[in-house]
Amino acid sequence: FNTDAIDEVEPLVARYRELAQALSKRQGHLSWEEVTSCYYFAQLHEERGRPHEAGGEVRALLDLLRDNEGALEGILGNCRGMLEEASSRLMILDPELGDEELIQSVAAQLVKLQVLMRQP
């Protein structure tokens, strides 16, 4: 990312989050769009050099998944794939440089999603 692009994208991601939250509310369950908004913000915060805020977005994502476990049926695979991608792309989740507690929380959520995917 270059700084000019981030400046242009950041308000769009904020608007995307607002719309995603409204969609979840309207549908009465967690939307895939709301889940992805956390990941998009984590990426933006990292690019801005704000690792604490990036970690906060990953924690918010984990909270969303935990709090809405029963509503994930249609998006379990997508959630798992996104967490795997986040683990490989976000420095905050890098095993060498990242936040150990957050890395463990993501790993635990990945296991939980895998178990949920196996259930009938």
Foldseek 3Di string as FASTA:
>chain_A
DDPVVLVVCVVVLVVQLVVQVVVCVVVVAHDPSNLVSLVVVLVSCVVVVNNVVSLVSLVVSLVNCVVRVVVCVVPLVVSLVSLVVCCVPHQLNDPVRHDVVSVVSSVVVNVVSVVVVPDD
